[in-house]
Amino acid sequence: ESLSPAAVTSFNEVFEDRGTRLVNLYGPTEATVDVTAHDCPPGPCEGTVPIGRPVDNTRAYVLRYGRPAPVGVWGTLFLAGVQVARGYLGDPELTARRFVRELGCGPGLMYDTGDICRWLPSGELQFLGRADDQVKIRGIRIDLGEIEGVLLEFPGISECAVVVDRPAPTVAVLRAAVAGPAGLSPQQVRDHAAARLPQYMLPTVHHHFDRLPRTGSGKLDRRTLQDPSWADRHARRW
């Protein structure tokens, strides 16, 4: 689960005077477990929180079509290093798909995380979403995580999820669910997104909640949000 800017801000408000720092750690089980780290600076946090730089003995690659992506361009994150697993026990087919030969002259395997990331100019990684969160609408591939990242940069939005609604087989509608205070301006949110995203990535429908729904394990409940009737019943009127 991504660390939200609101959580960082709340943490800093409580603990900043005590000299306690917040570190955002990222890592999958297959890389046992924390492979990148970002020191969150004190004070209010705006925009998405980076997942940081690789820790010692870890190599990270952001690849598009098998080649390193330029800074600022999204791609799939691959991990290599001493902590990467050798594969899945009893599942050679899945192992062959997800554990591949390391890029270049690397000594071993690298793991395909399925996470979409990009390198920032600061040398840190930004998590944008899962590869399976990518969809095609009218023949154009769209990364839902990238849209969510832009909306989270808007002041006051603490949580965000973008889902695809398909009211008909040939129709796809992007719906954005955001959580924040009652005073959020829907037009300002739309203007914010329009200034940063191409037209085809702009959500058609926006729902405003006090909090987004969670599963029993505390994760964002995207399945519930994909039900437009549930969203219409529980969202604030915008």
C-alpha atoms as a PDB file:
ATOM      1  CA  GLU A   1       0.000   0.000   0.000  1.00  0.00           C
ATOM      2  CA  SER A   2       1.415   3.393  -0.992  1.00  0.00           C
ATOM      3  CA  LEU A   3       2.304   5.890   1.730  1.00  0.00           C
ATOM      4  CA  SER A   4      -0.024   8.862   1.324  1.00  0.00           C
ATOM      5  CA  PRO A   5       1.086  12.504   1.655  1.00  0.00           C
ATOM      6  CA  ALA A   6      -1.614  12.975   4.299  1.00  0.00           C
ATOM      7  CA  ALA A   7      -0.112  10.193   6.434  1.00  0.00           C
ATOM      8  CA  VAL A   8       3.345  11.780   6.192  1.00  0.00           C
ATOM      9  CA  THR A   9       1.979  15.184   7.163  1.00  0.00           C
ATOM     10  CA  SER A  10       0.075  13.724  10.126  1.00  0.00           C
ATOM     11  CA  PHE A  11       3.149  11.810  11.295  1.00  0.00           C
ATOM     12  CA  ASN A  12       5.319  14.918  11.132  1.00  0.00           C
ATOM     13  CA  GLU A  13       2.767  16.969  13.058  1.00  0.00           C
ATOM     14  CA  VAL A  14       2.871  14.458  15.924  1.00  0.00           C
ATOM     15  CA  PHE A  15       6.508  13.351  15.979  1.00  0.00           C
ATOM     16  CA  GLU A  16       8.574  16.119  14.375  1.00  0.00           C
ATOM     17  CA  ASP A  17       9.387  17.825  17.694  1.00  0.00           C
ATOM     18  CA  ARG A  18      10.532  14.501  19.141  1.00  0.00           C
ATOM     19  CA  GLY A  19      13.284  14.020  16.586  1.00  0.00           C
ATOM     20  CA  THR A  20      11.596  10.952  15.090  1.00  0.00           C
ATOM     21  CA  ARG A  21      11.878  10.490  11.337  1.00  0.00           C
ATOM     22  CA  LEU A  22       9.633   8.597   8.947  1.00  0.00           C
ATOM     23  CA  VAL A  23      11.198   6.312   6.331  1.00  0.00           C
ATOM     24  CA  ASN A  24       9.131   5.014   3.414  1.00  0.00           C
ATOM     25  CA  LEU A  25      10.256   1.466   2.616  1.00  0.00           C
ATOM     26  CA  TYR A  26       9.341  -0.537  -0.474  1.00  0.00           C
ATOM     27  CA  GLY A  27       9.878  -4.149  -1.382  1.00  0.00           C
ATOM     28  CA  PRO A  28       8.123  -7.346  -2.465  1.00  0.00           C
ATOM     29  CA  THR A  29       8.280 -10.693  -0.684  1.00  0.00           C
ATOM     30  CA  GLU A  30      10.333 -12.086  -3.577  1.00  0.00           C
ATOM     31  CA  ALA A  31      13.127  -9.669  -2.665  1.00  0.00           C
ATOM     32  CA  THR A  32      12.971 -10.286   1.114  1.00  0.00           C
ATOM     33  CA  VAL A  33      11.708  -7.570   1.673  1.00  0.00           C
ATOM     34  CA  ASP A  34      12.806  -3.917   1.827  1.00  0.00           C
ATOM     35  CA  VAL A  35      14.786  -2.929  -1.258  1.00  0.00           C
ATOM     36  CA  THR A  36      14.367   0.863  -1.465  1.00  0.00           C
ATOM     37  CA  ALA A  37      14.108   3.594   1.160  1.00  0.00           C
ATOM     38  CA  HIS A  38      13.085   7.256   1.215  1.00  0.00           C
ATOM     39  CA  ASP A  39      13.670   9.595   4.161  1.00  0.00           C
ATOM     40  CA  CYS A  40      10.552  11.743   4.441  1.00  0.00           C
ATOM     41  CA  PRO A  41      11.516  15.369   5.134  1.00  0.00           C
ATOM     42  CA  PRO A  42       9.860  17.249   8.015  1.00  0.00           C
ATOM     43  CA  GLY A  43       6.841  19.466   7.528  1.00  0.00           C
ATOM     44  CA  PRO A  44       3.758  19.162   5.311  1.00  0.00           C
ATOM     45  CA  CYS A  45       3.968  16.700   2.422  1.00  0.00           C
ATOM     46  CA  GLU A  46       2.452  17.444  -0.971  1.00  0.00           C
ATOM     47  CA  GLY A  47       2.436  15.192  -4.000  1.00  0.00           C
ATOM     48  CA  THR A  48       3.281  11.520  -4.133  1.00  0.00           C
ATOM     49  CA  VAL A  49       5.867  10.105  -1.730  1.00  0.00           C
ATOM     50  CA  PRO A  50       8.887   8.519  -3.495  1.00  0.00           C
ATOM     51  CA  ILE A  51       9.879   4.972  -2.602  1.00  0.00           C
ATOM     52  CA  GLY A  52      13.491   6.119  -2.586  1.00  0.00           C
ATOM     53  CA  ARG A  53      16.837   4.698  -3.623  1.00  0.00           C
ATOM     54  CA  PRO A  54      17.958   1.058  -3.640  1.00  0.00           C
ATOM     55  CA  VAL A  55      19.488  -0.140  -0.379  1.00  0.00           C
ATOM     56  CA  ASP A  56      22.951  -1.710  -0.236  1.00  0.00           C
ATOM     57  CA  ASN A  57      23.527  -4.790  -2.414  1.00  0.00           C
ATOM     58  CA  THR A  58      20.392  -4.052  -4.445  1.00  0.00           C
ATOM     59  CA  ARG A  59      20.133  -3.072  -8.091  1.00  0.00           C
ATOM     60  CA  ALA A  60      16.965  -1.564  -9.548  1.00  0.00           C
ATOM     61  CA  TYR A  61      16.060  -1.294 -13.227  1.00  0.00           C
ATOM     62  CA  VAL A  62      13.113   0.548 -14.764  1.00  0.00           C
ATOM     63  CA  LEU A  63      12.597  -1.082 -18.153  1.00  0.00           C
ATOM     64  CA  ARG A  64      10.392  -0.401 -21.161  1.00  0.00           C
ATOM     65  CA  TYR A  65      10.382  -3.078 -23.848  1.00  0.00           C
ATOM     66  CA  GLY A  66      13.469  -4.599 -22.247  1.00  0.00           C
ATOM     67  CA  ARG A  67      15.520  -1.388 -22.243  1.00  0.00           C
ATOM     68  CA  PRO A  68      16.230   1.144 -19.464  1.00  0.00           C
ATOM     69  CA  ALA A  69      13.669   3.947 -19.392  1.00  0.00           C
ATOM     70  CA  PRO A  70      14.933   7.553 -19.347  1.00  0.00           C
ATOM     71  CA  VAL A  71      14.521   9.632 -16.204  1.00  0.00           C
ATOM     72  CA  GLY A  72      10.889  10.642 -15.801  1.00  0.00           C
ATOM     73  CA  VAL A  73       9.541   7.934 -18.116  1.00  0.00           C
ATOM     74  CA  TRP A  74       7.555   5.094 -16.579  1.00  0.00           C
ATOM     75  CA  GLY A  75       8.430   1.442 -16.963  1.00  0.00           C
ATOM     76  CA  THR A  76       8.342  -1.858 -15.092  1.00  0.00           C
ATOM     77  CA  LEU A  77      10.578  -2.161 -12.031  1.00  0.00           C
ATOM     78  CA  PHE A  78      13.011  -5.094 -11.953  1.00  0.00           C
ATOM     79  CA  LEU A  79      15.131  -5.943  -8.911  1.00  0.00           C
ATOM     80  CA  ALA A  80      18.450  -7.751  -8.632  1.00  0.00           C
ATOM     81  CA  GLY A  81      20.853  -8.413  -5.796  1.00  0.00           C
ATOM     82  CA  VAL A  82      21.781 -10.838  -3.072  1.00  0.00           C
ATOM     83  CA  GLN A  83      18.331 -10.799  -1.485  1.00  0.00           C
ATOM     84  CA  VAL A  84      16.318 -11.757  -4.595  1.00  0.00           C
ATOM     85  CA  ALA A  85      14.738 -15.206  -4.332  1.00  0.00           C
ATOM     86  CA  ARG A  86      15.647 -18.030  -6.706  1.00  0.00           C
ATOM     87  CA  GLY A  87      12.046 -18.629  -7.747  1.00  0.00           C
ATOM     88  CA  TYR A  88       8.716 -20.067  -6.659  1.00  0.00           C
ATOM     89  CA  LEU A  89       8.805 -23.486  -5.038  1.00  0.00           C
ATOM     90  CA  GLY A  90       7.039 -26.035  -7.217  1.00  0.00           C
ATOM     91  CA  ASP A  91       6.083 -23.535  -9.943  1.00  0.00           C
ATOM     92  CA  PRO A  92       8.766 -23.516 -12.662  1.00  0.00           C
ATOM     93  CA  GLU A  93       6.518 -21.802 -15.229  1.00  0.00           C
ATOM     94  CA  LEU A  94       5.818 -18.777 -13.023  1.00  0.00           C
ATOM     95  CA  THR A  95       9.477 -18.708 -12.001  1.00  0.00           C
ATOM     96  CA  ALA A  96      10.552 -18.537 -15.646  1.00  0.00           C
ATOM     97  CA  ARG A  97       8.169 -15.625 -16.290  1.00  0.00           C
ATOM     98  CA  ARG A  98       9.071 -13.505 -13.277  1.00  0.00           C
ATOM     99  CA  PHE A  99      12.749 -14.317 -12.647  1.00  0.00           C
ATOM    100  CA  VAL A 100      14.812 -13.452 -15.715  1.00  0.00           C
ATOM    101  CA  ARG A 101      18.482 -12.993 -16.532  1.00  0.00           C
ATOM    102  CA  GLU A 102      19.818  -9.710 -15.183  1.00  0.00           C
ATOM    103  CA  LEU A 103      20.293  -6.886 -17.646  1.00  0.00           C
ATOM    104  CA  GLY A 104      23.738  -6.441 -19.170  1.00  0.00           C
ATOM    105  CA  CYS A 105      26.560  -8.237 -17.401  1.00  0.00           C
ATOM    106  CA  GLY A 106      24.750  -8.810 -14.132  1.00  0.00           C
ATOM    107  CA  PRO A 107      25.758 -11.962 -12.283  1.00  0.00           C
ATOM    108  CA  GLY A 108      22.345 -13.507 -11.692  1.00  0.00           C
ATOM    109  CA  LEU A 109      18.601 -13.162 -11.987  1.00  0.00           C
ATOM    110  CA  MET A 110      16.390 -10.137 -11.646  1.00  0.00           C
ATOM    111  CA  TYR A 111      12.790 -10.176 -10.489  1.00  0.00           C
ATOM    112  CA  ASP A 112       9.943  -8.625 -12.476  1.00  0.00           C
ATOM    113  CA  THR A 113       7.927  -6.862  -9.760  1.00  0.00           C
ATOM    114  CA  GLY A 114       5.002  -5.953 -12.009  1.00  0.00           C
ATOM    115  CA  ASP A 115       5.146  -2.478 -10.448  1.00  0.00           C
ATOM    116  CA  ILE A 116       5.177   0.618 -12.635  1.00  0.00           C
ATOM    117  CA  CYS A 117       7.797   3.159 -11.543  1.00  0.00           C
ATOM    118  CA  ARG A 118       9.956   5.937 -12.891  1.00  0.00           C
ATOM    119  CA  TRP A 119      13.263   7.492 -11.922  1.00  0.00           C
ATOM    120  CA  LEU A 120      13.023  11.030 -10.588  1.00  0.00           C
ATOM    121  CA  PRO A 121      15.711  13.671 -11.280  1.00  0.00           C
ATOM    122  CA  SER A 122      16.682  13.310  -7.603  1.00  0.00           C
ATOM    123  CA  GLY A 123      17.818   9.733  -8.255  1.00  0.00           C
ATOM    124  CA  GLU A 124      14.888   8.255  -6.358  1.00  0.00           C
ATOM    125  CA  LEU A 125      12.143   5.971  -7.606  1.00  0.00           C
ATOM    126  CA  GLN A 126       8.484   6.932  -7.760  1.00  0.00           C
ATOM    127  CA  PHE A 127       5.864   4.192  -7.585  1.00  0.00           C
ATOM    128  CA  LEU A 128       3.010   4.768 -10.048  1.00  0.00           C
ATOM    129  CA  GLY A 129       0.944   1.604  -9.731  1.00  0.00           C
ATOM    130  CA  ARG A 130       0.712  -2.002 -10.798  1.00  0.00           C
ATOM    131  CA  ALA A 131       1.180  -3.207 -14.360  1.00  0.00           C
ATOM    132  CA  ASP A 132      -2.204  -4.897 -14.069  1.00  0.00           C
ATOM    133  CA  ASP A 133      -3.661  -1.443 -13.289  1.00  0.00           C
ATOM    134  CA  GLN A 134      -2.945  -0.459 -16.891  1.00  0.00           C
ATOM    135  CA  VAL A 135      -5.923  -0.437 -19.220  1.00  0.00           C
ATOM    136  CA  LYS A 136      -6.582   0.302 -22.864  1.00  0.00           C
ATOM    137  CA  ILE A 137      -9.262   2.826 -23.749  1.00  0.00           C
ATOM    138  CA  ARG A 138      -9.955   3.520 -27.418  1.00  0.00           C
ATOM    139  CA  GLY A 139      -6.682   1.802 -28.277  1.00  0.00           C
ATOM    140  CA  ILE A 140      -4.548   3.951 -25.949  1.00  0.00           C
ATOM    141  CA  ARG A 141      -2.787   2.365 -22.973  1.00  0.00           C
ATOM    142  CA  ILE A 142      -3.485   4.265 -19.757  1.00  0.00           C
ATOM    143  CA  ASP A 143      -1.753   3.871 -16.401  1.00  0.00           C
ATOM    144  CA  LEU A 144      -4.345   4.411 -13.681  1.00  0.00           C
ATOM    145  CA  GLY A 145      -1.589   4.931 -11.109  1.00  0.00           C
ATOM    146  CA  GLU A 146      -0.254   7.919 -13.024  1.00  0.00           C
ATOM    147  CA  ILE A 147      -3.683   9.577 -12.915  1.00  0.00           C
ATOM    148  CA  GLU A 148      -3.945   8.856  -9.194  1.00  0.00           C
ATOM    149  CA  GLY A 149      -0.519  10.391  -8.617  1.00  0.00           C
ATOM    150  CA  VAL A 150      -1.573  13.636 -10.291  1.00  0.00           C
ATOM    151  CA  LEU A 151      -4.800  13.866  -8.291  1.00  0.00           C
ATOM    152  CA  LEU A 152      -2.924  13.208  -5.037  1.00  0.00           C
ATOM    153  CA  GLU A 153      -0.831  16.300  -5.729  1.00  0.00           C
ATOM    154  CA  PHE A 154      -3.933  18.466  -5.273  1.00  0.00           C
ATOM    155  CA  PRO A 155      -3.941  20.065  -1.780  1.00  0.00           C
ATOM    156  CA  GLY A 156      -6.460  18.405   0.508  1.00  0.00           C
ATOM    157  CA  ILE A 157      -6.805  15.089  -1.328  1.00  0.00           C
ATOM    158  CA  SER A 158      -5.607  12.399   1.075  1.00  0.00           C
ATOM    159  CA  GLU A 159      -6.617   9.279  -0.870  1.00  0.00           C
ATOM    160  CA  CYS A 160      -7.413   8.560  -4.486  1.00  0.00           C
ATOM    161  CA  ALA A 161      -8.370   5.645  -6.699  1.00  0.00           C
ATOM    162  CA  VAL A 162      -9.145   5.636 -10.413  1.00  0.00           C
ATOM    163  CA  VAL A 163     -11.222   2.778 -11.802  1.00  0.00           C
ATOM    164  CA  VAL A 164     -12.668   1.897 -15.191  1.00  0.00           C
ATOM    165  CA  ASP A 165     -16.425   1.610 -15.588  1.00  0.00           C
ATOM    166  CA  ARG A 166     -17.695  -0.274 -18.647  1.00  0.00           C
ATOM    167  CA  PRO A 167     -21.422   0.473 -18.957  1.00  0.00           C
ATOM    168  CA  ALA A 168     -21.414  -1.168 -22.393  1.00  0.00           C
ATOM    169  CA  PRO A 169     -19.009  -3.545 -24.184  1.00  0.00           C
ATOM    170  CA  THR A 170     -17.623  -0.762 -26.377  1.00  0.00           C
ATOM    171  CA  VAL A 171     -17.726   2.023 -23.770  1.00  0.00           C
ATOM    172  CA  ALA A 172     -15.103   2.689 -21.075  1.00  0.00           C
ATOM    173  CA  VAL A 173     -15.380   5.512 -18.551  1.00  0.00           C
ATOM    174  CA  LEU A 174     -12.655   6.616 -16.143  1.00  0.00           C
ATOM    175  CA  ARG A 175     -14.034   7.317 -12.672  1.00  0.00           C
ATOM    176  CA  ALA A 176     -11.964   8.978  -9.950  1.00  0.00           C
ATOM    177  CA  ALA A 177     -12.726   8.523  -6.258  1.00  0.00           C
ATOM    178  CA  VAL A 178     -11.035  11.023  -3.946  1.00  0.00           C
ATOM    179  CA  ALA A 179     -11.094  11.502  -0.184  1.00  0.00           C
ATOM    180  CA  GLY A 180     -10.721  14.885   1.443  1.00  0.00           C
ATOM    181  CA  PRO A 181     -12.462  17.660   3.347  1.00  0.00           C
ATOM    182  CA  ALA A 182     -15.937  18.854   2.447  1.00  0.00           C
ATOM    183  CA  GLY A 183     -14.581  22.098   1.001  1.00  0.00           C
ATOM    184  CA  LEU A 184     -12.823  20.463  -1.953  1.00  0.00           C
ATOM    185  CA  SER A 185     -13.754  22.221  -5.178  1.00  0.00           C
ATOM    186  CA  PRO A 186     -14.661  19.765  -7.953  1.00  0.00           C
ATOM    187  CA  GLN A 187     -13.873  22.301 -10.658  1.00  0.00           C
ATOM    188  CA  GLN A 188     -10.454  23.054  -9.190  1.00  0.00           C
ATOM    189  CA  VAL A 189      -9.695  19.326  -9.019  1.00  0.00           C
ATOM    190  CA  ARG A 190     -10.690  18.929 -12.672  1.00  0.00           C
ATOM    191  CA  ASP A 191      -8.651  21.979 -13.688  1.00  0.00           C
ATOM    192  CA  HIS A 192      -5.644  20.620 -11.782  1.00  0.00           C
ATOM    193  CA  ALA A 193      -5.849  17.304 -13.644  1.00  0.00           C
ATOM    194  CA  ALA A 194      -6.461  18.960 -17.024  1.00  0.00           C
ATOM    195  CA  ALA A 195      -3.296  21.047 -16.644  1.00  0.00           C
ATOM    196  CA  ARG A 196      -1.152  17.944 -16.085  1.00  0.00           C
ATOM    197  CA  LEU A 197      -2.719  15.092 -18.050  1.00  0.00           C
ATOM    198  CA  PRO A 198      -3.662  14.588 -21.699  1.00  0.00           C
ATOM    199  CA  GLN A 199      -7.354  14.661 -22.519  1.00  0.00           C
ATOM    200  CA  TYR A 200      -7.656  10.888 -22.901  1.00  0.00           C
ATOM    201  CA  MET A 201      -6.421  10.362 -19.310  1.00  0.00           C
ATOM    202  CA  LEU A 202      -8.896  12.722 -17.652  1.00  0.00           C
ATOM    203  CA  PRO A 203     -11.562  11.025 -15.506  1.00  0.00           C
ATOM    204  CA  THR A 204     -15.084  11.606 -16.762  1.00  0.00           C
ATOM    205  CA  VAL A 205     -16.704  11.135 -13.349  1.00  0.00           C
ATOM    206  CA  HIS A 206     -15.428  12.246  -9.931  1.00  0.00           C
ATOM    207  CA  HIS A 207     -16.713  10.928  -6.589  1.00  0.00           C
ATOM    208  CA  HIS A 208     -15.875  12.657  -3.310  1.00  0.00           C
ATOM    209  CA  PHE A 209     -15.751  10.659  -0.053  1.00  0.00           C
ATOM    210  CA  ASP A 210     -14.747  11.352   3.522  1.00  0.00           C
ATOM    211  CA  ARG A 211     -12.705   8.127   3.358  1.00  0.00           C
ATOM    212  CA  LEU A 212     -12.274   5.496   0.672  1.00  0.00           C
ATOM    213  CA  PRO A 213     -13.527   1.967   1.438  1.00  0.00           C
ATOM    214  CA  ARG A 214     -11.087  -0.596   2.804  1.00  0.00           C
ATOM    215  CA  THR A 215     -10.977  -4.371   2.826  1.00  0.00           C
ATOM    216  CA  GLY A 216     -10.796  -6.389   6.034  1.00  0.00           C
ATOM    217  CA  SER A 217      -6.994  -6.337   5.780  1.00  0.00           C
ATOM    218  CA  GLY A 218      -6.949  -2.535   5.517  1.00  0.00           C
ATOM    219  CA  LYS A 219      -6.162  -2.283   1.802  1.00  0.00           C
ATOM    220  CA  LEU A 220      -8.005  -0.030  -0.612  1.00  0.00           C
ATOM    221  CA  ASP A 221     -11.186  -1.791  -1.755  1.00  0.00           C
ATOM    222  CA  ARG A 222     -11.080  -1.171  -5.498  1.00  0.00           C
ATOM    223  CA  ARG A 223     -13.684  -3.831  -6.205  1.00  0.00           C
ATOM    224  CA  THR A 224     -16.274  -1.900  -4.217  1.00  0.00           C
ATOM    225  CA  LEU A 225     -15.303   1.351  -5.921  1.00  0.00           C
ATOM    226  CA  GLN A 226     -15.836  -0.278  -9.318  1.00  0.00           C
ATOM    227  CA  ASP A 227     -19.544  -0.562  -8.506  1.00  0.00           C
ATOM    228  CA  PRO A 228     -20.964   2.766  -9.770  1.00  0.00           C
ATOM    229  CA  SER A 229     -24.202   2.333  -7.817  1.00  0.00           C
ATOM    230  CA  TRP A 230     -22.258   1.981  -4.543  1.00  0.00           C
ATOM    231  CA  ALA A 231     -20.231   5.085  -5.343  1.00  0.00           C
ATOM    232  CA  ASP A 232     -23.357   7.062  -6.196  1.00  0.00           C
ATOM    233  CA  ARG A 233     -24.965   6.071  -2.879  1.00  0.00           C
ATOM    234  CA  HIS A 234     -22.003   6.835  -0.626  1.00  0.00           C
ATOM    235  CA  ALA A 235     -20.193   9.750  -2.283  1.00  0.00           C
ATOM    236  CA  ARG A 236     -20.732  13.405  -1.472  1.00  0.00           C
ATOM    237  CA  ARG A 237     -22.669  15.285  -4.118  1.00  0.00           C
ATOM    238  CA  TRP A 238     -20.307  17.220  -6.382  1.00  0.00           C
END
